[in-house]
Amino acid sequence: MADTCGQIVLGSGLTVLSHPLMYIKVLVQVGHEPLPPTLGRNVFGRQVYQLPGLFAYAKHIIKIDGKLGLFNGLVPRLCAGTVGTIVHSKVLQVRLASAVFVWYTTREVIARSCATILTHPFHVITLRCMVQFIGREAKYSGVFDSIVTIYREEGILGFFAGLIPRLLGDIISLWICNILAHLINTYAIDDSVSLREIKNCSQAMTGFFASMLTYPFVLVSNLMAVNNCGLAGGLPPYAAVYPTWVDCWRHLSRECNMSRGNSLFFRKLPVGKTYASAQKRFY
């Protein structure tokens, strides 16, 4: 219990610190570009039009909503983190008869999936509180009011919008991480290195690699969570109305836009792309 409480406190602190980053990332994911592109240079020194980065975007939000505006959607996200930590730790308390790699990973998948399913309603509320910034709405003003609004307008299924791609991304990411870590620990790490150092090194490398590969699932999940929910950020011109998450995936793939929002630095303007905030094409 003490370990779980410690994880909740630590996780909550990290959530608060990282929230402005996630907030800006979500706005970029839905296609909100309120600032005009600027002429800059890429890593090769060539002049290119670049979209505003993290700090310019943050200054824009502060100018409109103040510094506290960077923390829109924080409360439901903290709720999701707390519930997810408790559920994850409870599931992991179930002991396995064998510590075989496959069974260990399966238990992790079950724990992660349970936590994701139970916290997804809070995740949906978090995203919608953030996306309200685009249309200056106040439809989702608190956790309880948001629950009532979603249930009244969309029913139970509204709380699980975007769940399937999020689950798939979590599962695939976890298997990639554990398989690569297992291979590295078994065949690539010298026996003289301590077990703790091995785990820290392999988890850091494989975690980064897996997050890059599964980012499209995160993007599609977030877009589906706000799609056609009555907010400007979930409707044209920011997004088409997608019947299913597969349609969203196909649309982003056709536009070669599966990495949108993955990086908040050196954001090159896509050729021929027209943004909702600036009706001008750049070639």
Protein backbone atom coordinates (compact mmCIF):
# COMPACT_ATOMS: atom_id res chain seq x y z
CA MET A 1 0.00 0.00 0.00
CA ALA A 2 2.83 2.36 0.88
CA ASP A 3 4.49 1.67 -2.47
CA THR A 4 1.24 2.41 -4.30
CA CYS A 5 0.79 5.71 -2.42
CA GLY A 6 4.34 6.67 -3.27
CA GLN A 7 3.73 5.90 -6.93
CA ILE A 8 0.56 8.01 -6.88
CA VAL A 9 2.35 11.00 -5.33
CA LEU A 10 5.30 10.73 -7.70
CA GLY A 11 3.04 10.19 -10.70
CA SER A 12 0.86 13.15 -9.77
CA GLY A 13 3.90 15.40 -9.53
CA LEU A 14 5.16 14.32 -12.92
CA THR A 15 1.68 14.77 -14.37
CA VAL A 16 1.50 18.36 -13.17
CA LEU A 17 4.93 19.15 -14.56
CA SER A 18 4.28 17.54 -17.94
CA HIS A 19 0.70 18.76 -18.37
CA PRO A 20 1.48 21.91 -20.42
CA LEU A 21 3.48 19.75 -22.83
CA MET A 22 0.60 17.31 -23.28
CA TYR A 23 -1.87 20.19 -23.61
CA ILE A 24 0.06 21.74 -26.49
CA LYS A 25 0.64 18.34 -28.10
CA VAL A 26 -3.10 17.61 -28.11
CA LEU A 27 -3.92 20.96 -29.71
CA VAL A 28 -1.33 20.29 -32.41
CA GLN A 29 -2.69 16.78 -32.93
CA VAL A 30 -6.16 18.08 -33.74
CA GLY A 31 -4.65 20.55 -36.21
CA HIS A 32 -4.96 23.83 -34.31
CA GLU A 33 -2.28 26.18 -35.60
CA PRO A 34 -3.15 29.68 -34.30
CA LEU A 35 0.23 31.20 -35.15
CA PRO A 36 1.50 31.80 -38.68
CA PRO A 37 4.49 29.83 -39.95
CA THR A 38 7.83 31.58 -39.82
CA LEU A 39 10.83 31.33 -42.10
CA GLY A 40 13.62 29.42 -40.44
CA ARG A 41 16.42 26.99 -41.21
CA ASN A 42 16.44 23.23 -40.96
CA VAL A 43 19.31 21.11 -39.67
CA PHE A 44 21.04 21.39 -43.06
CA GLY A 45 20.90 25.19 -43.06
CA ARG A 46 18.25 25.42 -45.76
CA GLN A 47 15.49 28.01 -45.38
CA VAL A 48 12.08 26.44 -44.78
CA TYR A 49 8.76 27.53 -43.33
CA GLN A 50 8.34 26.21 -39.82
CA LEU A 51 5.31 25.99 -37.58
CA PRO A 52 5.63 27.50 -34.07
CA GLY A 53 7.29 25.26 -31.52
CA LEU A 54 6.52 24.41 -27.92
CA PHE A 55 7.53 27.71 -26.32
CA ALA A 56 5.85 29.94 -28.89
CA TYR A 57 2.65 27.92 -28.53
CA ALA A 58 2.84 28.14 -24.73
CA LYS A 59 3.24 31.93 -24.89
CA HIS A 60 0.16 32.11 -27.10
CA ILE A 61 -1.94 30.17 -24.57
CA ILE A 62 -0.64 32.28 -21.68
CA LYS A 63 -1.51 35.45 -23.59
CA ILE A 64 -5.12 34.31 -23.89
CA ASP A 65 -5.81 32.34 -20.70
CA GLY A 66 -2.91 33.23 -18.41
CA LYS A 67 -0.44 30.77 -16.93
CA LEU A 68 -3.20 28.70 -15.36
CA GLY A 69 -4.55 28.17 -18.85
CA LEU A 70 -1.70 25.75 -19.48
CA PHE A 71 -3.31 23.39 -16.99
CA ASN A 72 -6.74 22.97 -18.57
CA GLY A 73 -7.85 19.36 -18.09
CA LEU A 74 -5.40 18.68 -15.27
CA VAL A 75 -7.96 17.47 -12.68
CA PRO A 76 -9.45 14.61 -14.75
CA ARG A 77 -5.95 13.63 -15.81
CA LEU A 78 -4.88 13.40 -12.16
CA CYS A 79 -7.96 11.26 -11.48
CA ALA A 80 -6.99 8.98 -14.36
CA GLY A 81 -3.44 8.66 -13.06
CA THR A 82 -4.56 7.82 -9.54
CA VAL A 83 -7.13 5.22 -10.59
CA GLY A 84 -4.76 3.73 -13.15
CA THR A 85 -1.94 3.33 -10.62
CA ILE A 86 -4.22 1.60 -8.10
CA VAL A 87 -5.73 -0.78 -10.66
CA HIS A 88 -2.35 -1.59 -12.22
CA SER A 89 -0.76 -2.38 -8.85
CA LYS A 90 -3.71 -4.54 -7.74
CA VAL A 91 -3.58 -6.65 -10.88
CA LEU A 92 0.19 -7.07 -10.59
CA GLN A 93 -0.25 -8.42 -7.05
CA VAL A 94 -1.60 -11.62 -8.57
CA ARG A 95 1.32 -14.02 -8.43
CA LEU A 96 2.18 -16.23 -11.36
CA ALA A 97 3.26 -19.84 -10.97
CA SER A 98 6.11 -19.19 -13.35
CA ALA A 99 8.29 -16.19 -14.10
CA VAL A 100 8.60 -17.11 -17.75
CA PHE A 101 8.97 -14.07 -20.01
CA VAL A 102 5.72 -14.67 -21.92
CA TRP A 103 3.62 -15.04 -18.77
CA TYR A 104 5.25 -12.02 -17.16
CA THR A 105 4.47 -9.89 -20.20
CA THR A 106 0.92 -11.24 -20.36
CA ARG A 107 0.34 -10.17 -16.77
CA GLU A 108 1.68 -6.72 -17.60
CA VAL A 109 -0.65 -6.52 -20.59
CA ILE A 110 -3.65 -7.46 -18.46
CA ALA A 111 -2.73 -4.91 -15.79
CA ARG A 112 -2.15 -2.14 -18.34
CA SER A 113 -5.35 -2.96 -20.21
CA CYS A 114 -7.49 -2.95 -17.05
CA ALA A 115 -6.04 0.40 -16.03
CA THR A 116 -6.56 1.86 -19.51
CA ILE A 117 -10.19 0.73 -19.74
CA LEU A 118 -11.14 2.02 -16.29
CA THR A 119 -9.39 5.37 -16.71
CA HIS A 120 -10.40 6.05 -20.30
CA PRO A 121 -13.51 8.10 -19.35
CA PHE A 122 -11.22 10.50 -17.46
CA HIS A 123 -8.88 10.56 -20.46
CA VAL A 124 -11.77 11.54 -22.75
CA ILE A 125 -12.80 14.34 -20.39
CA THR A 126 -9.18 15.55 -20.21
CA LEU A 127 -8.87 15.78 -23.99
CA ARG A 128 -12.17 17.56 -24.42
CA CYS A 129 -11.32 20.09 -21.72
CA MET A 130 -8.14 20.84 -23.65
CA VAL A 131 -9.70 21.02 -27.10
CA GLN A 132 -12.27 23.56 -25.84
CA PHE A 133 -9.49 26.12 -26.17
CA ILE A 134 -9.92 26.13 -29.94
CA GLY A 135 -13.54 27.27 -30.03
CA ARG A 136 -13.46 29.04 -26.64
CA GLU A 137 -16.26 26.75 -25.41
CA ALA A 138 -17.05 25.93 -21.78
CA LYS A 139 -19.01 22.73 -22.38
CA TYR A 140 -16.74 20.61 -20.20
CA SER A 141 -16.12 22.63 -17.05
CA GLY A 142 -15.54 19.95 -14.42
CA VAL A 143 -15.29 16.21 -13.91
CA PHE A 144 -18.84 15.67 -12.64
CA ASP A 145 -20.46 18.08 -15.11
CA SER A 146 -18.49 16.50 -17.96
CA ILE A 147 -19.68 13.02 -16.96
CA VAL A 148 -23.28 14.21 -17.03
CA THR A 149 -22.79 15.95 -20.40
CA ILE A 150 -21.20 12.94 -22.09
CA TYR A 151 -23.78 10.51 -20.74
CA ARG A 152 -26.68 12.75 -21.76
CA GLU A 153 -25.41 13.34 -25.31
CA GLU A 154 -23.59 10.12 -26.18
CA GLY A 155 -24.51 7.49 -23.63
CA ILE A 156 -22.08 5.03 -22.08
CA LEU A 157 -20.15 4.58 -25.33
CA GLY A 158 -19.20 8.25 -25.27
CA PHE A 159 -16.88 7.57 -22.32
CA PHE A 160 -14.93 5.08 -24.41
CA ALA A 161 -14.45 7.06 -27.62
CA GLY A 162 -11.02 6.22 -29.00
CA LEU A 163 -10.47 3.32 -26.60
CA ILE A 164 -9.67 0.59 -29.16
CA PRO A 165 -6.65 2.27 -30.82
CA ARG A 166 -5.38 3.30 -27.39
CA LEU A 167 -5.60 -0.28 -26.13
CA LEU A 168 -3.93 -1.65 -29.25
CA GLY A 169 -1.14 0.90 -28.95
CA ASP A 170 -0.55 0.04 -25.29
CA ILE A 171 -0.48 -3.69 -25.95
CA ILE A 172 1.81 -3.48 -28.97
CA SER A 173 4.12 -1.04 -27.19
CA LEU A 174 4.38 -3.28 -24.14
CA TRP A 175 5.19 -6.37 -26.19
CA ILE A 176 7.80 -4.48 -28.22
CA CYS A 177 9.41 -3.13 -25.04
CA ASN A 178 9.53 -6.49 -23.28
CA ILE A 179 10.67 -8.49 -26.30
CA LEU A 180 13.49 -6.07 -27.12
CA ALA A 181 14.47 -5.76 -23.46
CA HIS A 182 14.52 -9.55 -23.15
CA LEU A 183 16.72 -9.89 -26.23
CA ILE A 184 19.08 -7.15 -25.07
CA ASN A 185 19.35 -8.54 -21.53
CA THR A 186 19.86 -12.09 -22.79
CA TYR A 187 22.22 -11.63 -25.73
CA ALA A 188 23.67 -8.11 -25.77
CA ILE A 189 24.53 -7.21 -22.16
CA ASP A 190 27.73 -8.38 -20.51
CA ASP A 191 27.33 -10.44 -17.34
CA SER A 192 29.48 -7.98 -15.38
CA VAL A 193 26.79 -5.30 -15.60
CA SER A 194 24.43 -5.26 -12.63
CA LEU A 195 20.81 -6.32 -13.09
CA ARG A 196 19.50 -2.88 -12.16
CA GLU A 197 21.72 -1.18 -14.72
CA ILE A 198 20.61 -3.67 -17.35
CA LYS A 199 16.94 -2.99 -16.71
CA ASN A 200 17.34 0.78 -16.66
CA CYS A 201 19.32 0.80 -19.89
CA SER A 202 17.15 -1.63 -21.83
CA GLN A 203 13.84 -0.15 -20.67
CA ALA A 204 14.91 3.37 -21.62
CA MET A 205 16.01 2.34 -25.11
CA THR A 206 13.12 0.02 -25.88
CA GLY A 207 10.53 2.39 -24.39
CA PHE A 208 11.60 5.22 -26.67
CA PHE A 209 11.66 2.97 -29.72
CA ALA A 210 8.22 1.49 -28.96
CA SER A 211 6.66 4.91 -28.37
CA MET A 212 7.84 6.06 -31.79
CA LEU A 213 6.40 2.99 -33.53
CA THR A 214 3.03 3.14 -31.77
CA TYR A 215 2.53 6.91 -31.91
CA PRO A 216 -0.09 6.64 -34.71
CA PHE A 217 -2.33 4.72 -32.30
CA VAL A 218 -2.03 7.55 -29.76
CA LEU A 219 -2.85 10.15 -32.41
CA VAL A 220 -5.89 8.29 -33.75
CA SER A 221 -7.17 7.56 -30.22
CA ASN A 222 -6.97 11.22 -29.20
CA LEU A 223 -8.65 12.39 -32.40
CA MET A 224 -11.51 9.90 -31.97
CA ALA A 225 -11.97 10.94 -28.33
CA VAL A 226 -12.92 14.47 -29.44
CA ASN A 227 -14.35 13.72 -32.87
CA ASN A 228 -17.89 14.97 -33.45
CA CYS A 229 -18.43 15.71 -29.75
CA GLY A 230 -19.87 19.18 -30.32
CA LEU A 231 -16.58 21.06 -29.95
CA ALA A 232 -15.04 23.10 -32.76
CA GLY A 233 -11.80 21.12 -32.46
CA GLY A 234 -13.61 17.89 -33.29
CA LEU A 235 -15.41 19.17 -36.37
CA PRO A 236 -14.40 20.52 -39.80
CA PRO A 237 -12.17 22.29 -40.70
CA TYR A 238 -10.01 20.76 -37.96
CA ALA A 239 -11.21 17.22 -38.50
CA ALA A 240 -13.57 15.26 -40.64
CA VAL A 241 -16.33 13.31 -38.93
CA TYR A 242 -15.05 9.74 -38.80
CA PRO A 243 -17.53 6.84 -38.45
CA THR A 244 -14.83 4.60 -36.97
CA TRP A 245 -11.23 4.84 -35.86
CA VAL A 246 -10.20 2.85 -38.94
CA ASP A 247 -11.57 5.64 -41.15
CA CYS A 248 -9.56 8.16 -39.16
CA TRP A 249 -6.43 6.03 -39.60
CA ARG A 250 -6.94 5.73 -43.34
CA HIS A 251 -7.54 9.47 -43.72
CA LEU A 252 -4.37 10.37 -41.84
CA SER A 253 -2.41 7.78 -43.82
CA ARG A 254 -3.56 9.22 -47.13
CA GLU A 255 -2.43 12.66 -46.00
CA CYS A 256 0.90 11.26 -44.74
CA ASN A 257 -0.02 12.85 -41.42
CA MET A 258 0.44 9.97 -38.98
CA SER A 259 3.20 11.75 -37.06
CA ARG A 260 1.35 15.03 -36.48
CA GLY A 261 2.19 16.35 -33.04
CA ASN A 262 4.91 13.79 -32.40
CA SER A 263 7.52 16.54 -32.25
CA LEU A 264 7.01 20.07 -30.94
CA PHE A 265 10.37 21.33 -32.20
CA PHE A 266 11.55 22.08 -35.76
CA ARG A 267 8.04 21.57 -37.10
CA LYS A 268 8.34 21.82 -40.87
CA LEU A 269 5.21 22.99 -42.67
CA PRO A 270 3.84 20.21 -44.89
CA VAL A 271 3.88 21.10 -48.58
CA GLY A 272 0.52 22.32 -49.87
CA LYS A 273 -1.13 22.09 -46.44
CA THR A 274 -3.79 24.64 -45.52
CA TYR A 275 -4.42 25.19 -41.81
CA ALA A 276 -7.69 26.36 -40.35
CA SER A 277 -6.09 29.40 -38.74
CA ALA A 278 -4.28 30.61 -41.85
CA GLN A 279 -6.01 30.20 -45.17
CA LYS A 280 -2.83 30.31 -47.20
CA ARG A 281 -0.89 27.57 -48.90
CA PHE A 282 2.86 27.27 -48.64
CA TYR A 283 4.80 25.54 -51.39
